[in-house]
């Protein structure tokens, strides 16, 4: 029987997308969470039948990267929500507008 290759490309792509979306108030936790769940499920399948799968180490690495990106996004999301709660949305938008004006001049 031929061994199946654990293709970790999708997990890497979702992790990178999650990292890029980190700047949008931590919204990258969605693709990073999906990547982590996919990697975790594939590794469970590989642990159940280790003789049928190869490239398990690559999927472990992809799972670790997805977890790190997920944690970064959740921390940034918590920070953004804390800022909205303490400062207020209007004040945050005013600060953002002032920063944009400074950047443009």
N, C-alpha and C. Protein backbone atom coordinates (compact mmCIF):
# COMPACT_ATOMS: atom_id res chain seq x y z
N UNK A 1 0.84 -1.19 0.00
CA UNK A 1 0.00 0.00 0.00
C UNK A 1 0.88 1.25 0.00
N UNK A 2 0.47 2.21 -0.77
CA UNK A 2 1.23 3.44 -0.91
C UNK A 2 0.95 4.39 0.26
N UNK A 3 2.00 5.05 0.73
CA UNK A 3 1.83 5.99 1.83
C UNK A 3 1.24 7.30 1.32
N UNK A 4 0.33 7.86 2.13
CA UNK A 4 -0.27 9.14 1.78
C UNK A 4 0.60 10.27 2.33
N UNK A 5 0.75 11.30 1.54
CA UNK A 5 1.55 12.44 1.95
C UNK A 5 0.65 13.45 2.65
N UNK A 6 1.02 13.87 3.85
CA UNK A 6 0.28 14.92 4.55
C UNK A 6 0.66 16.25 3.93
N UNK A 7 -0.20 16.79 3.12
CA UNK A 7 0.07 18.04 2.43
C UNK A 7 -0.28 19.20 3.35
N UNK A 8 0.73 19.92 3.79
CA UNK A 8 0.54 21.00 4.75
C UNK A 8 0.44 22.37 4.09
N UNK A 9 0.32 22.43 2.78
CA UNK A 9 0.29 23.70 2.06
C UNK A 9 -0.91 24.55 2.46
N UNK A 10 -2.08 23.95 2.57
CA UNK A 10 -3.28 24.69 2.95
C UNK A 10 -3.14 25.29 4.35
N UNK A 11 -2.55 24.56 5.25
CA UNK A 11 -2.36 25.05 6.61
C UNK A 11 -1.41 26.24 6.60
N UNK A 12 -0.34 26.16 5.82
CA UNK A 12 0.59 27.28 5.72
C UNK A 12 -0.07 28.51 5.11
N UNK A 13 -0.85 28.32 4.06
CA UNK A 13 -1.52 29.45 3.40
C UNK A 13 -2.49 30.13 4.35
N UNK A 14 -3.29 29.34 5.06
CA UNK A 14 -4.24 29.92 6.01
C UNK A 14 -3.52 30.62 7.16
N UNK A 15 -2.40 30.08 7.59
CA UNK A 15 -1.63 30.72 8.67
C UNK A 15 -1.06 32.06 8.22
N UNK A 16 -0.54 32.11 7.01
CA UNK A 16 -0.01 33.37 6.48
C UNK A 16 -1.13 34.39 6.31
N UNK A 17 -2.26 33.95 5.81
CA UNK A 17 -3.41 34.84 5.67
C UNK A 17 -3.86 35.36 7.03
N UNK A 18 -3.86 34.48 8.02
CA UNK A 18 -4.21 34.91 9.38
C UNK A 18 -3.23 35.91 9.93
N UNK A 19 -1.95 35.73 9.62
CA UNK A 19 -0.94 36.68 10.10
C UNK A 19 -1.11 38.03 9.43
N UNK A 20 -1.43 38.04 8.14
CA UNK A 20 -1.63 39.29 7.43
C UNK A 20 -2.89 40.02 7.91
N UNK A 21 -3.90 39.28 8.32
CA UNK A 21 -5.13 39.88 8.82
C UNK A 21 -5.03 40.29 10.29
N UNK A 22 -3.91 40.07 10.90
CA UNK A 22 -3.71 40.42 12.31
C UNK A 22 -3.91 41.91 12.54
N UNK A 23 -3.53 42.72 11.57
CA UNK A 23 -3.61 44.17 11.73
C UNK A 23 -5.04 44.69 11.68
N UNK A 24 -5.98 43.88 11.29
CA UNK A 24 -7.37 44.31 11.20
C UNK A 24 -8.08 43.87 12.47
N UNK A 25 -7.67 44.46 13.58
CA UNK A 25 -8.24 44.22 14.91
C UNK A 25 -8.22 42.74 15.29
N UNK A 26 -7.24 42.00 14.87
CA UNK A 26 -7.11 40.61 15.26
C UNK A 26 -8.06 39.66 14.56
N UNK A 27 -8.58 40.07 13.40
CA UNK A 27 -9.55 39.22 12.70
C UNK A 27 -8.91 38.00 12.04
N UNK A 28 -7.60 37.91 12.09
CA UNK A 28 -6.90 36.78 11.50
C UNK A 28 -7.03 35.51 12.32
N UNK A 29 -7.72 35.59 13.48
CA UNK A 29 -7.90 34.38 14.26
C UNK A 29 -8.80 33.38 13.55
N UNK A 30 -9.60 33.84 12.61
CA UNK A 30 -10.51 32.93 11.88
C UNK A 30 -9.72 32.00 10.96
N UNK A 31 -8.91 32.51 10.01
CA UNK A 31 -8.14 31.57 9.18
C UNK A 31 -7.09 30.81 9.97
N UNK A 32 -6.51 31.44 11.00
CA UNK A 32 -5.51 30.74 11.81
C UNK A 32 -6.16 29.61 12.61
N UNK A 33 -7.36 29.85 13.10
CA UNK A 33 -8.08 28.79 13.82
C UNK A 33 -8.45 27.64 12.91
N UNK A 34 -8.89 27.95 11.70
CA UNK A 34 -9.21 26.91 10.73
C UNK A 34 -7.96 26.10 10.39
N UNK A 35 -6.82 26.79 10.21
CA UNK A 35 -5.56 26.10 9.90
C UNK A 35 -5.17 25.17 11.05
N UNK A 36 -5.31 25.63 12.27
CA UNK A 36 -4.96 24.81 13.43
C UNK A 36 -5.86 23.58 13.52
N UNK A 37 -7.14 23.75 13.28
CA UNK A 37 -8.07 22.62 13.34
C UNK A 37 -7.77 21.60 12.24
N UNK A 38 -7.49 22.08 11.04
CA UNK A 38 -7.15 21.17 9.93
C UNK A 38 -5.90 20.38 10.27
N UNK A 39 -4.87 21.07 10.74
CA UNK A 39 -3.61 20.40 11.07
C UNK A 39 -3.80 19.39 12.20
N UNK A 40 -4.57 19.76 13.19
CA UNK A 40 -4.82 18.86 14.32
C UNK A 40 -5.56 17.60 13.87
N UNK A 41 -6.56 17.77 13.01
CA UNK A 41 -7.31 16.60 12.52
C UNK A 41 -6.44 15.69 11.66
N UNK A 42 -5.61 16.28 10.81
CA UNK A 42 -4.72 15.47 9.97
C UNK A 42 -3.71 14.70 10.83
N UNK A 43 -3.21 15.34 11.88
CA UNK A 43 -2.25 14.66 12.75
C UNK A 43 -2.91 13.53 13.54
N UNK A 44 -4.18 13.72 13.91
CA UNK A 44 -4.90 12.64 14.59
C UNK A 44 -5.06 11.43 13.67
N UNK A 45 -5.37 11.70 12.40
CA UNK A 45 -5.47 10.61 11.43
C UNK A 45 -4.12 9.91 11.27
N UNK A 46 -3.05 10.68 11.25
CA UNK A 46 -1.72 10.10 11.08
C UNK A 46 -1.30 9.30 12.30
N UNK A 47 -1.70 9.73 13.49
CA UNK A 47 -1.36 8.98 14.70
C UNK A 47 -2.15 7.68 14.79
N UNK A 48 -3.36 7.67 14.23
CA UNK A 48 -4.17 6.45 14.25
C UNK A 48 -3.57 5.38 13.35
N UNK A 49 -3.02 5.77 12.22
CA UNK A 49 -2.40 4.85 11.26
C UNK A 49 -1.05 5.41 10.82
N UNK A 50 -0.03 5.34 11.65
CA UNK A 50 1.25 5.96 11.28
C UNK A 50 1.94 5.32 10.09
N UNK A 51 1.63 4.07 9.79
CA UNK A 51 2.29 3.41 8.66
C UNK A 51 1.72 3.87 7.32
N UNK A 52 0.57 4.55 7.30
CA UNK A 52 -0.06 4.98 6.06
C UNK A 52 0.29 6.42 5.67
N UNK A 53 0.98 7.13 6.53
CA UNK A 53 1.22 8.56 6.27
C UNK A 53 2.71 8.88 6.33
N UNK A 54 3.09 9.85 5.52
CA UNK A 54 4.45 10.38 5.58
C UNK A 54 4.37 11.90 5.68
N UNK A 55 5.48 12.54 5.97
CA UNK A 55 5.58 13.99 6.16
C UNK A 55 4.80 14.45 7.39
N UNK A 56 4.84 13.67 8.44
CA UNK A 56 4.16 14.03 9.69
C UNK A 56 4.88 15.22 10.33
N UNK A 57 6.21 15.25 10.22
CA UNK A 57 6.98 16.34 10.82
C UNK A 57 6.62 17.69 10.18
N UNK A 58 6.38 17.70 8.89
CA UNK A 58 5.97 18.93 8.21
C UNK A 58 4.63 19.44 8.69
N UNK A 59 3.71 18.51 8.95
CA UNK A 59 2.40 18.91 9.46
C UNK A 59 2.51 19.39 10.91
N UNK A 60 3.42 18.79 11.69
CA UNK A 60 3.64 19.28 13.05
C UNK A 60 4.14 20.72 13.03
N UNK A 61 5.04 21.02 12.11
CA UNK A 61 5.55 22.38 11.98
C UNK A 61 4.44 23.35 11.57
N UNK A 62 3.61 22.93 10.63
CA UNK A 62 2.50 23.77 10.19
C UNK A 62 1.51 24.02 11.33
N UNK A 63 1.28 23.00 12.15
CA UNK A 63 0.39 23.15 13.30
C UNK A 63 0.96 24.15 14.30
N UNK A 64 2.27 24.09 14.53
CA UNK A 64 2.91 25.02 15.46
C UNK A 64 2.82 26.45 14.95
N UNK A 65 3.05 26.64 13.68
CA UNK A 65 2.95 27.99 13.10
C UNK A 65 1.52 28.50 13.20
N UNK A 66 0.55 27.65 12.91
CA UNK A 66 -0.85 28.06 13.02
C UNK A 66 -1.21 28.43 14.46
N UNK A 67 -0.68 27.70 15.42
CA UNK A 67 -0.94 28.00 16.82
C UNK A 67 -0.33 29.34 17.23
N UNK A 68 0.88 29.61 16.79
CA UNK A 68 1.53 30.88 17.12
C UNK A 68 0.74 32.05 16.51
N UNK A 69 0.34 31.93 15.27
CA UNK A 69 -0.43 32.98 14.61
C UNK A 69 -1.78 33.15 15.30
N UNK A 70 -2.39 32.06 15.71
CA UNK A 70 -3.67 32.13 16.42
C UNK A 70 -3.52 32.87 17.74
N UNK A 71 -2.47 32.59 18.48
CA UNK A 71 -2.24 33.27 19.76
C UNK A 71 -1.99 34.76 19.55
N UNK A 72 -1.18 35.10 18.54
CA UNK A 72 -0.91 36.52 18.25
C UNK A 72 -2.21 37.24 17.93
N UNK A 73 -3.05 36.63 17.11
CA UNK A 73 -4.31 37.26 16.73
C UNK A 73 -5.25 37.41 17.91
N UNK A 74 -5.34 36.40 18.75
CA UNK A 74 -6.23 36.49 19.90
C UNK A 74 -5.76 37.55 20.90
N UNK A 75 -4.44 37.68 21.07
CA UNK A 75 -3.92 38.73 21.94
C UNK A 75 -4.21 40.11 21.37
N UNK A 76 -4.03 40.28 20.07
CA UNK A 76 -4.31 41.57 19.45
C UNK A 76 -5.81 41.88 19.47
N UNK A 77 -6.64 40.87 19.31
CA UNK A 77 -8.08 41.06 19.40
C UNK A 77 -8.48 41.51 20.80
N UNK A 78 -7.90 40.87 21.81
CA UNK A 78 -8.19 41.25 23.20
C UNK A 78 -7.72 42.68 23.47
N UNK A 79 -6.55 43.04 22.94
CA UNK A 79 -6.03 44.40 23.11
C UNK A 79 -6.95 45.41 22.43
N UNK A 80 -7.43 45.10 21.23
CA UNK A 80 -8.32 46.01 20.51
C UNK A 80 -9.64 46.19 21.24
N UNK A 81 -10.19 45.10 21.75
CA UNK A 81 -11.43 45.21 22.51
C UNK A 81 -11.24 45.99 23.79
N UNK A 82 -10.09 45.82 24.43
CA UNK A 82 -9.79 46.59 25.64
C UNK A 82 -9.70 48.08 25.32
N UNK A 83 -9.06 48.43 24.21
CA UNK A 83 -8.97 49.83 23.81
C UNK A 83 -10.34 50.41 23.51
N UNK A 84 -11.17 49.65 22.84
CA UNK A 84 -12.52 50.14 22.54
C UNK A 84 -13.28 50.36 23.84
N UNK A 85 -13.12 49.47 24.79
CA UNK A 85 -13.84 49.57 26.06
C UNK A 85 -13.35 50.76 26.88
N UNK A 86 -12.03 50.98 26.93
CA UNK A 86 -11.49 52.04 27.78
C UNK A 86 -11.51 53.40 27.10
N UNK A 87 -11.07 53.48 25.85
CA UNK A 87 -10.96 54.77 25.16
C UNK A 87 -12.28 55.13 24.48
N UNK A 88 -12.87 54.17 23.83
CA UNK A 88 -14.09 54.42 23.07
C UNK A 88 -13.79 54.42 21.58
N UNK A 89 -14.77 54.03 20.82
CA UNK A 89 -14.61 53.89 19.38
C UNK A 89 -14.35 55.24 18.72
N UNK A 90 -15.09 56.27 19.12
CA UNK A 90 -14.94 57.59 18.49
C UNK A 90 -13.54 58.15 18.70
N UNK A 91 -13.00 58.01 19.90
CA UNK A 91 -11.66 58.51 20.18
C UNK A 91 -10.61 57.73 19.38
N UNK A 92 -10.80 56.43 19.24
CA UNK A 92 -9.86 55.63 18.43
C UNK A 92 -9.88 56.08 16.98
N UNK A 93 -11.05 56.36 16.44
CA UNK A 93 -11.16 56.81 15.06
C UNK A 93 -10.54 58.19 14.89
N UNK A 94 -10.69 59.06 15.89
CA UNK A 94 -10.08 60.38 15.84
C UNK A 94 -8.56 60.28 15.85
N UNK A 95 -8.01 59.41 16.68
CA UNK A 95 -6.57 59.19 16.71
C UNK A 95 -6.07 58.64 15.37
N UNK A 96 -6.84 57.74 14.80
CA UNK A 96 -6.48 57.17 13.50
C UNK A 96 -6.49 58.25 12.42
N UNK A 97 -7.49 59.11 12.45
CA UNK A 97 -7.58 60.20 11.47
C UNK A 97 -6.40 61.15 11.60
N UNK A 98 -6.02 61.49 12.85
CA UNK A 98 -4.88 62.38 13.07
C UNK A 98 -3.58 61.75 12.58
N UNK A 99 -3.42 60.46 12.81
CA UNK A 99 -2.21 59.77 12.34
C UNK A 99 -2.16 59.78 10.81
N UNK A 100 -3.28 59.59 10.16
CA UNK A 100 -3.32 59.62 8.70
C UNK A 100 -2.98 61.01 8.17
N UNK A 101 -3.48 62.06 8.83
CA UNK A 101 -3.15 63.42 8.41
C UNK A 101 -1.66 63.70 8.56
N UNK A 102 -1.06 63.24 9.65
CA UNK A 102 0.37 63.41 9.85
C UNK A 102 1.16 62.67 8.78
N UNK A 103 0.71 61.50 8.44
CA UNK A 103 1.40 60.69 7.43
C UNK A 103 1.33 61.35 6.05
N UNK A 104 0.19 61.94 5.74
CA UNK A 104 0.02 62.53 4.42
C UNK A 104 0.78 63.84 4.26
N UNK A 105 1.05 64.54 5.37
CA UNK A 105 1.76 65.83 5.24
C UNK A 105 3.25 65.69 5.46
